[in-house]
Amino acid sequence: MHDCRNMYYLDLFGVSMIMPLILPHAQDIGASPTLAGLIGSVYGGIQLFSSPLVGRWSDRVGRQFSLFLCLLLSGCGYSILGLYSSLVVLFVGRFVLGCFKHSQTISKAFLADIGADHERSALLGNFNSFSNIGFVVGPIIGGHLAEISFSLAAFAAGIVFIGNAVLIWFTAGYDISLEAEVYHPEIALKKDDNIIQKKPVHDDVSFSFSHLVPLFRDFDWAELWDLFLVKFFAGFSVIIFRGNFTMVLKEKFEAGPKAIGYITSYSGAVATLSGFLVGKVTERYNSTAQLLLHVTILQVVSLLCLTLSTSIYLIFVFLTPLSIVTSVSRVAGATLTISRSGDANIGSIMGLSQSVMAVARMSAPFFAGIAQEYSIDGAAFISVISAAISVIIMLVRPQDPKVRHKLLADFQGVLHQQ
């Protein structure tokens, strides 16, 4: 694909039109906070199983075809949300999206294919920035459409995704993975034959769920379990806060759909600007792991301040560092995952990493719903505790590969002396 920036933009543009409105809409049509949380958990629960499958499937059939199909079916899923004001319809729509909303995962795998090690932070930073541009405009448009009808916003999001799929199909006339051979042949030579292909192998489209067990079994859990745990708690923290954020704005500060749209848009604008600076930020750090630790500490502080905020003006103030943190931590986490796991089967690794986040997406809405039954700020306090746990893990188990190897060597030296 010669230029993926339009796809990155349209992806989050479509998502942001409808995502902040789903839980308030669920409660408007009769769902309790706990039931609304369960509907939100459907998406993450399905992605727990579908993410690694789609990741490996994209390794085998090529990024273009898998991305096109995921975008097209995601458009259908968002359109389903607007068919009828029913909790059943919301459930079905979220189920479809859980199965096929993997455009971000495939895009990151594509960037890992074409980028050398020293380029990945900058590439992923630009990817997040172009994606976040969509998050600046989408919430405002979605908020205005939702003032008329929630269905109108849902259909608009579906049209954006279907249009994005058409754009991918007609602007990418070859397998996206082949760009690794065109621009970085030294990277392509490292790939196994089943990853970088001369043409899409469409016979592999019927990828079997039986591949899921070997994928989990063969993964190097002994080396990466602590990193995935760090990503889970940090991601869970942001997801549970943002998932309940619109309800907090609505009930605590009496914000309507348009106001929610503008606040979400502001957060996206900050994330966009910070995303373009991620490459320069990482260059100033000797270690990506150290960067991830520092931004997660800032995440704890930002979330605590947001939880204790008593006015909408303070929300804007403390939402700024949180937006910067989430933009930088996504890039740092993805870069650290790739560097610690090696270059083989990157699509599978990113898919499995996405599954870890799917666990967070599955469980966060449910716990947020239960917490909201007791306090409107209950979910926010849980997010603070979760982020703090992530920091503690990184302090106890350093994530820098060089530091880990040095500690292991020192430990083995002590054992040898004994």
Protein backbone atom coordinates (compact mmCIF):
# COMPACT_ATOMS: atom_id res chain seq x y z
CA MET A 1 0.00 0.00 0.00
CA HIS A 2 1.53 3.24 -1.08
CA ASP A 3 -0.07 5.46 1.57
CA CYS A 4 -1.91 4.13 4.59
CA ARG A 5 -2.53 7.48 6.27
CA ASN A 6 -6.11 7.80 4.99
CA MET A 7 -6.89 4.32 6.32
CA TYR A 8 -5.42 5.15 9.75
CA TYR A 9 -7.47 8.34 9.89
CA LEU A 10 -10.76 6.80 8.77
CA ASP A 11 -10.41 3.85 11.14
CA LEU A 12 -10.57 5.85 14.37
CA PHE A 13 -12.76 8.49 12.76
CA GLY A 14 -15.48 5.86 12.35
CA VAL A 15 -14.89 4.33 15.79
CA SER A 16 -14.93 7.67 17.60
CA MET A 17 -18.24 8.69 16.03
CA ILE A 18 -20.09 5.99 17.94
CA MET A 19 -17.92 4.54 20.70
CA PRO A 20 -18.46 7.27 23.37
CA LEU A 21 -22.23 6.99 22.84
CA ILE A 22 -22.77 3.23 23.23
CA LEU A 23 -22.95 2.92 27.04
CA PRO A 24 -25.07 6.06 27.56
CA HIS A 25 -27.40 4.75 24.83
CA ALA A 26 -27.59 1.34 26.53
CA GLN A 27 -28.68 2.96 29.78
CA ASP A 28 -31.12 5.23 27.94
CA ILE A 29 -32.94 2.17 26.56
CA GLY A 30 -33.19 0.49 29.96
CA ALA A 31 -29.89 -1.21 30.83
CA SER A 32 -28.63 -1.07 34.40
CA PRO A 33 -24.94 -0.13 34.88
CA THR A 34 -24.05 -3.81 35.35
CA LEU A 35 -25.98 -4.92 32.26
CA ALA A 36 -24.45 -2.11 30.22
CA GLY A 37 -21.06 -3.33 31.43
CA LEU A 38 -21.85 -6.87 30.30
CA ILE A 39 -22.77 -5.63 26.81
CA GLY A 40 -19.48 -3.76 26.72
CA SER A 41 -17.62 -6.90 27.79
CA VAL A 42 -18.87 -8.87 24.78
CA TYR A 43 -16.43 -7.06 22.48
CA GLY A 44 -13.35 -7.86 24.57
CA GLY A 45 -14.47 -11.42 25.25
CA ILE A 46 -14.72 -12.25 21.56
CA GLN A 47 -11.44 -10.49 20.75
CA LEU A 48 -9.65 -12.63 23.32
CA PHE A 49 -10.01 -15.54 20.88
CA SER A 50 -10.21 -13.76 17.55
CA SER A 51 -7.14 -11.50 17.90
CA PRO A 52 -4.40 -14.18 17.73
CA LEU A 53 -6.26 -15.98 14.95
CA VAL A 54 -6.57 -12.87 12.81
CA GLY A 55 -2.96 -11.91 13.56
CA ARG A 56 -1.59 -15.23 12.33
CA TRP A 57 -4.11 -15.32 9.48
CA SER A 58 -2.78 -11.96 8.25
CA ASP A 59 0.75 -13.41 8.40
CA ARG A 60 -0.34 -16.13 6.01
CA VAL A 61 -2.75 -14.50 3.54
CA GLY A 62 -1.23 -11.02 3.49
CA ARG A 63 -2.13 -7.73 5.13
CA GLN A 64 -4.21 -6.27 2.29
CA PHE A 65 -6.82 -9.00 2.01
CA SER A 66 -7.18 -9.49 5.77
CA LEU A 67 -7.42 -5.73 6.36
CA PHE A 68 -10.03 -5.30 3.62
CA LEU A 69 -12.23 -8.09 5.01
CA CYS A 70 -11.96 -6.89 8.61
CA LEU A 71 -12.88 -3.32 7.67
CA LEU A 72 -15.85 -4.45 5.56
CA LEU A 73 -17.31 -6.69 8.27
CA SER A 74 -16.64 -4.08 10.95
CA GLY A 75 -18.73 -1.65 8.91
CA CYS A 76 -21.56 -4.18 8.99
CA GLY A 77 -21.16 -4.51 12.76
CA TYR A 78 -21.44 -0.77 13.38
CA SER A 79 -24.43 -0.54 11.06
CA ILE A 80 -26.19 -3.28 13.06
CA LEU A 81 -26.01 -1.06 16.16
CA GLY A 82 -28.32 1.42 14.48
CA LEU A 83 -30.95 -1.01 13.21
CA TYR A 84 -33.17 -0.88 16.28
CA SER A 85 -33.10 0.57 19.81
CA SER A 86 -32.79 -2.77 21.55
CA LEU A 87 -30.31 -4.31 23.97
CA VAL A 88 -30.32 -7.48 21.85
CA VAL A 89 -29.29 -5.50 18.77
CA LEU A 90 -26.50 -3.84 20.76
CA PHE A 91 -25.29 -7.28 21.85
CA VAL A 92 -25.29 -8.65 18.29
CA GLY A 93 -23.46 -5.61 16.93
CA ARG A 94 -20.77 -5.81 19.60
CA PHE A 95 -20.39 -9.54 18.93
CA VAL A 96 -19.72 -8.93 15.22
CA LEU A 97 -17.24 -6.18 16.03
CA GLY A 98 -15.42 -8.42 18.49
CA CYS A 99 -14.90 -10.95 15.73
CA PHE A 100 -13.68 -8.62 12.98
CA LYS A 101 -12.52 -5.25 14.38
CA HIS A 102 -8.77 -5.96 14.01
CA SER A 103 -7.67 -3.21 11.62
CA GLN A 104 -5.34 -1.67 14.21
CA THR A 105 -3.63 -5.00 14.92
CA ILE A 106 -3.07 -5.77 11.24
CA SER A 107 -1.81 -2.25 10.56
CA LYS A 108 0.75 -2.48 13.37
CA ALA A 109 1.92 -5.84 12.05
CA PHE A 110 2.33 -4.22 8.62
CA LEU A 111 4.47 -1.44 10.12
CA ALA A 112 6.57 -4.04 11.93
CA ASP A 113 7.06 -5.81 8.56
CA ILE A 114 8.43 -2.77 6.76
CA GLY A 115 10.26 -1.04 9.61
CA ALA A 116 13.79 -1.70 10.82
CA ASP A 117 14.35 -1.92 14.58
CA HIS A 118 15.46 1.71 14.98
CA GLU A 119 12.46 2.98 12.97
CA ARG A 120 9.63 1.23 14.79
CA SER A 121 8.99 3.79 17.51
CA ALA A 122 8.70 6.60 14.97
CA LEU A 123 6.53 4.51 12.62
CA LEU A 124 4.18 3.45 15.42
CA GLY A 125 4.09 7.00 16.74
CA ASN A 126 3.06 8.37 13.35
CA PHE A 127 0.54 5.54 13.00
CA ASN A 128 -1.11 6.49 16.30
CA SER A 129 -1.03 10.18 15.37
CA PHE A 130 -2.78 9.72 12.03
CA SER A 131 -5.26 7.43 13.76
CA ASN A 132 -5.88 9.98 16.49
CA ILE A 133 -6.60 12.71 13.91
CA GLY A 134 -9.79 10.76 13.27
CA PHE A 135 -10.48 10.85 17.00
CA VAL A 136 -10.40 14.65 16.88
CA VAL A 137 -13.17 15.03 14.31
CA GLY A 138 -15.24 11.87 14.85
CA PRO A 139 -16.63 12.53 18.35
CA ILE A 140 -17.85 16.00 17.39
CA ILE A 141 -19.71 14.72 14.32
CA GLY A 142 -21.01 11.69 16.21
CA GLY A 143 -22.21 13.87 19.09
CA HIS A 144 -24.15 16.18 16.76
CA LEU A 145 -25.66 13.20 14.89
CA ALA A 146 -26.63 11.53 18.19
CA GLU A 147 -28.55 14.65 19.20
CA ILE A 148 -30.82 13.76 16.26
CA SER A 149 -30.65 9.95 16.55
CA PHE A 150 -28.23 7.32 17.86
CA SER A 151 -29.05 5.20 14.80
CA LEU A 152 -27.87 8.00 12.52
CA ALA A 153 -24.47 8.05 14.24
CA ALA A 154 -24.22 4.24 14.05
CA PHE A 155 -25.04 4.11 10.34
CA ALA A 156 -22.54 6.91 9.66
CA ALA A 157 -19.80 4.92 11.43
CA GLY A 158 -20.68 1.83 9.39
CA ILE A 159 -20.49 3.78 6.13
CA VAL A 160 -17.04 5.12 7.08
CA PHE A 161 -15.71 1.59 7.65
CA ILE A 162 -17.19 0.22 4.44
CA GLY A 163 -15.75 3.17 2.53
CA ASN A 164 -12.38 2.52 4.17
CA ALA A 165 -12.51 -1.11 3.01
CA VAL A 166 -13.19 0.04 -0.56
CA LEU A 167 -10.26 2.45 -0.30
CA ILE A 168 -7.95 -0.37 0.82
CA TRP A 169 -9.12 -2.63 -2.00
CA PHE A 170 -8.59 -0.10 -4.80
CA THR A 171 -5.44 1.65 -3.52
CA ALA A 172 -3.54 -1.52 -2.56
CA GLY A 173 -3.19 -3.55 -5.72
CA TYR A 174 -0.80 -6.04 -4.16
CA ASP A 175 -0.05 -7.80 -0.90
CA ILE A 176 0.85 -5.18 1.69
CA SER A 177 3.41 -7.51 3.24
CA LEU A 178 5.45 -7.33 0.02
CA GLU A 179 6.40 -3.76 0.92
CA ALA A 180 8.88 -5.28 3.33
CA GLU A 181 10.72 -6.72 0.32
CA VAL A 182 10.50 -3.46 -1.65
CA TYR A 183 11.65 -1.03 1.02
CA HIS A 184 13.51 -3.21 3.50
CA PRO A 185 14.77 -6.36 1.77
CA GLU A 186 17.08 -7.06 4.69
CA ILE A 187 14.02 -7.32 6.92
CA ALA A 188 12.13 -9.47 4.44
CA LEU A 189 15.01 -11.96 4.31
CA LYS A 190 14.51 -12.61 7.99
CA LYS A 191 10.92 -13.68 7.50
CA ASP A 192 9.84 -17.27 7.13
CA ASP A 193 8.35 -18.26 3.79
CA ASN A 194 4.90 -18.50 5.31
CA ILE A 195 4.98 -14.87 6.47
CA ILE A 196 6.14 -12.86 3.46
CA GLN A 197 4.46 -14.35 0.41
CA LYS A 198 4.70 -13.61 -3.31
CA LYS A 199 0.92 -13.49 -3.48
CA PRO A 200 -2.02 -13.85 -1.13
CA VAL A 201 -2.73 -17.48 -0.39
CA HIS A 202 -6.51 -17.37 -0.39
CA ASP A 203 -6.76 -21.06 0.43
CA ASP A 204 -5.68 -20.11 3.94
CA VAL A 205 -8.67 -17.86 4.49
CA SER A 206 -10.47 -20.71 6.25
CA PHE A 207 -8.09 -20.44 9.22
CA SER A 208 -9.04 -23.05 11.82
CA PHE A 209 -9.64 -22.39 15.48
CA SER A 210 -7.41 -25.43 16.10
CA HIS A 211 -4.45 -23.09 15.50
CA LEU A 212 -5.30 -21.20 18.69
CA VAL A 213 -4.06 -23.91 21.09
CA PRO A 214 -0.59 -24.31 19.47
CA LEU A 215 -0.27 -20.53 19.35
CA PHE A 216 -0.70 -20.24 23.11
CA ARG A 217 1.33 -23.41 23.79
CA ASP A 218 4.34 -22.47 21.65
CA PHE A 219 4.59 -18.91 22.87
CA ASP A 220 7.55 -18.02 25.11
CA TRP A 221 5.53 -17.29 28.23
CA ALA A 222 8.56 -17.72 30.51
CA GLU A 223 10.16 -14.68 28.89
CA LEU A 224 7.13 -12.47 28.28
CA TRP A 225 4.53 -13.20 30.98
CA ASP A 226 5.53 -10.22 33.13
CA LEU A 227 5.48 -7.81 30.16
CA PHE A 228 2.00 -8.96 29.21
CA LEU A 229 0.92 -8.55 32.83
CA VAL A 230 2.27 -4.99 32.82
CA LYS A 231 0.37 -4.25 29.60
CA PHE A 232 -2.78 -5.82 30.99
CA PHE A 233 -2.95 -3.74 34.18
CA ALA A 234 -1.91 -0.50 32.45
CA GLY A 235 -4.39 -1.12 29.64
CA PHE A 236 -7.13 -2.22 32.02
CA SER A 237 -6.60 1.02 33.93
CA VAL A 238 -7.17 3.22 30.87
CA ILE A 239 -10.00 1.10 29.47
CA ILE A 240 -12.03 1.02 32.69
CA PHE A 241 -11.57 4.76 33.15
CA ARG A 242 -12.43 5.74 29.58
CA GLY A 243 -15.23 3.18 29.38
CA ASN A 244 -16.95 4.82 32.32
CA PHE A 245 -15.83 8.37 31.45
CA THR A 246 -18.86 9.27 29.36
CA MET A 247 -21.18 8.13 32.12
CA VAL A 248 -19.25 10.26 34.62
CA LEU A 249 -19.57 13.27 32.32
CA LYS A 250 -23.27 12.63 31.86
CA GLU A 251 -24.26 11.96 35.49
CA LYS A 252 -21.66 13.91 37.48
CA PHE A 253 -21.32 16.95 35.23
CA GLU A 254 -24.64 16.71 33.28
CA ALA A 255 -22.91 16.72 29.88
CA GLY A 256 -24.93 15.95 26.74
CA PRO A 257 -23.81 14.09 23.58
CA LYS A 258 -22.36 17.22 21.97
CA ALA A 259 -20.39 18.16 25.09
CA ILE A 260 -19.11 14.59 25.41
CA GLY A 261 -18.10 14.74 21.75
CA TYR A 262 -16.08 17.92 22.20
CA ILE A 263 -14.30 16.61 25.32
CA THR A 264 -13.43 13.36 23.55
CA SER A 265 -12.24 15.37 20.56
CA TYR A 266 -9.95 17.44 22.78
CA SER A 267 -8.42 14.27 24.18
CA GLY A 268 -7.85 12.98 20.65
CA ALA A 269 -6.22 16.27 19.60
CA VAL A 270 -3.72 16.09 22.46
CA ALA A 271 -2.98 12.44 21.67
CA THR A 272 -2.45 13.31 18.01
CA LEU A 273 0.07 16.04 18.73
CA SER A 274 1.94 13.93 21.26
CA GLY A 275 1.99 10.97 18.86
CA PHE A 276 4.07 12.92 16.35
CA LEU A 277 6.64 13.54 19.10
CA VAL A 278 6.90 9.95 20.28
CA GLY A 279 9.90 9.23 18.04
CA LYS A 280 11.83 12.17 19.49
CA VAL A 281 10.84 11.25 23.03
CA THR A 282 12.06 7.67 22.65
CA GLU A 283 15.35 8.92 21.20
CA ARG A 284 16.03 10.79 24.42
CA TYR A 285 15.59 7.62 26.44
CA ASN A 286 18.28 4.97 26.58
CA SER A 287 15.63 2.37 27.26
CA THR A 288 12.07 1.91 26.00
CA ALA A 289 11.33 0.02 29.23
CA GLN A 290 12.37 3.07 31.27
CA LEU A 291 10.11 5.26 29.16
CA LEU A 292 7.18 2.88 29.73
CA LEU A 293 7.80 2.97 33.50
CA HIS A 294 7.86 6.76 33.64
CA VAL A 295 4.72 7.29 31.56
CA THR A 296 2.85 4.68 33.63
CA ILE A 297 3.77 6.56 36.82
CA LEU A 298 2.38 9.72 35.19
CA GLN A 299 -0.71 7.71 34.28
CA VAL A 300 -1.33 6.90 37.97
CA VAL A 301 -1.05 10.57 38.95
CA SER A 302 -3.26 11.78 36.08
CA LEU A 303 -6.00 9.26 36.80
CA LEU A 304 -6.03 10.12 40.50
CA CYS A 305 -6.35 13.84 39.73
CA LEU A 306 -9.16 13.18 37.25
CA THR A 307 -10.99 11.04 39.78
CA LEU A 308 -10.85 13.79 42.39
CA SER A 309 -11.81 16.59 39.96
CA THR A 310 -14.87 18.59 40.93
CA SER A 311 -15.37 20.71 37.78
CA ILE A 312 -15.35 20.23 34.03
CA TYR A 313 -12.42 22.68 33.78
CA LEU A 314 -10.22 20.43 35.93
CA ILE A 315 -11.24 17.52 33.69
CA PHE A 316 -9.72 19.35 30.72
CA VAL A 317 -6.55 20.12 32.67
CA PHE A 318 -5.83 16.58 33.86
CA LEU A 319 -7.10 14.91 30.69
CA THR A 320 -4.13 16.48 28.89
CA PRO A 321 -1.35 14.42 30.56
CA LEU A 322 -3.47 11.27 30.40
CA SER A 323 -3.91 11.67 26.64
CA ILE A 324 -0.16 12.13 26.24
CA VAL A 325 0.52 9.09 28.42
CA THR A 326 -1.78 6.78 26.47
CA SER A 327 -0.26 7.87 23.15
CA VAL A 328 3.33 7.29 24.30
CA SER A 329 2.64 4.08 26.25
CA ARG A 330 0.94 2.39 23.27
CA VAL A 331 4.06 2.92 21.18
CA ALA A 332 6.48 2.04 23.98
CA GLY A 333 4.53 -1.12 24.83
CA ALA A 334 4.37 -2.30 21.22
CA THR A 335 8.07 -1.55 20.61
CA LEU A 336 9.12 -3.32 23.82
CA THR A 337 7.00 -6.36 22.97
CA ILE A 338 8.63 -6.71 19.55
CA SER A 339 12.16 -6.14 20.87
CA ARG A 340 11.78 -8.73 23.62
CA SER A 341 10.15 -11.36 21.42
CA GLY A 342 12.25 -11.06 18.24
CA ASP A 343 11.18 -10.50 14.64
CA ALA A 344 9.65 -13.90 13.83
CA ASN A 345 5.87 -14.21 13.41
CA ILE A 346 5.26 -10.56 14.28
CA GLY A 347 1.60 -10.78 13.28
CA SER A 348 1.05 -13.65 15.71
CA ILE A 349 2.90 -11.83 18.49
CA MET A 350 0.92 -8.63 17.99
CA GLY A 351 -2.28 -10.66 17.82
CA LEU A 352 -1.50 -12.42 21.07
CA SER A 353 -0.58 -9.10 22.65
CA GLN A 354 -3.94 -7.79 21.48
CA SER A 355 -5.54 -10.77 23.20
CA VAL A 356 -4.07 -9.63 26.49
CA MET A 357 -5.72 -6.28 25.93
CA ALA A 358 -8.90 -8.11 24.92
CA VAL A 359 -8.99 -9.62 28.42
CA ALA A 360 -8.87 -6.07 29.76
CA ARG A 361 -11.57 -4.92 27.34
CA MET A 362 -13.72 -7.89 28.32
CA SER A 363 -13.41 -7.48 32.07
CA ALA A 364 -13.21 -3.68 32.42
CA PRO A 365 -16.80 -2.81 31.41
CA PHE A 366 -18.18 -5.49 33.72
CA PHE A 367 -16.19 -4.29 36.75
CA ALA A 368 -16.97 -0.69 35.84
CA GLY A 369 -20.69 -1.47 35.82
CA ILE A 370 -20.55 -3.13 39.22
CA ALA A 371 -18.47 -0.29 40.68
CA GLN A 372 -20.89 2.28 39.28
CA GLU A 373 -23.73 0.62 41.16
CA TYR A 374 -22.03 1.85 44.35
CA SER A 375 -20.36 5.09 43.24
CA ILE A 376 -20.08 7.08 40.04
CA ASP A 377 -16.32 7.34 40.74
CA GLY A 378 -15.90 3.67 41.63
CA ALA A 379 -14.48 2.67 38.25
CA ALA A 380 -12.03 5.58 38.31
CA PHE A 381 -10.57 4.47 41.66
CA ILE A 382 -10.16 0.95 40.27
CA SER A 383 -8.25 2.43 37.32
CA VAL A 384 -5.82 4.17 39.67
CA ILE A 385 -5.14 0.94 41.58
CA SER A 386 -4.66 -1.03 38.36
CA ALA A 387 -2.10 1.43 36.96
CA ALA A 388 -0.25 1.39 40.29
CA ILE A 389 0.00 -2.43 40.09
CA SER A 390 1.58 -2.11 36.64
CA VAL A 391 4.20 0.26 38.06
CA ILE A 392 4.98 -2.11 40.92
CA ILE A 393 5.52 -5.03 38.52
CA MET A 394 7.96 -2.98 36.43
CA LEU A 395 9.88 -1.98 39.55
CA VAL A 396 10.11 -5.56 40.82
CA ARG A 397 10.82 -7.11 37.40
CA PRO A 398 12.76 -4.69 35.11
CA GLN A 399 11.51 -4.87 31.52
CA ASP A 400 14.67 -3.75 29.73
CA PRO A 401 16.13 -6.82 27.91
CA LYS A 402 19.71 -5.68 28.66
CA VAL A 403 18.99 -5.26 32.36
CA ARG A 404 17.22 -8.62 32.47
CA HIS A 405 20.15 -10.39 30.80
CA LYS A 406 22.60 -8.72 33.20
CA LEU A 407 20.56 -9.78 36.22
CA LEU A 408 20.33 -13.31 34.87
CA ALA A 409 24.09 -13.42 34.26
CA ASP A 410 24.79 -12.13 37.78
CA PHE A 411 22.42 -14.71 39.24
CA GLN A 412 24.08 -17.52 37.30
CA GLY A 413 27.48 -16.26 38.43
CA VAL A 414 26.40 -16.43 42.06
CA LEU A 415 25.12 -19.97 41.56
CA HIS A 416 28.39 -20.98 39.87
CA GLN A 417 30.44 -19.63 42.78
CA GLN A 418 28.37 -21.67 45.21
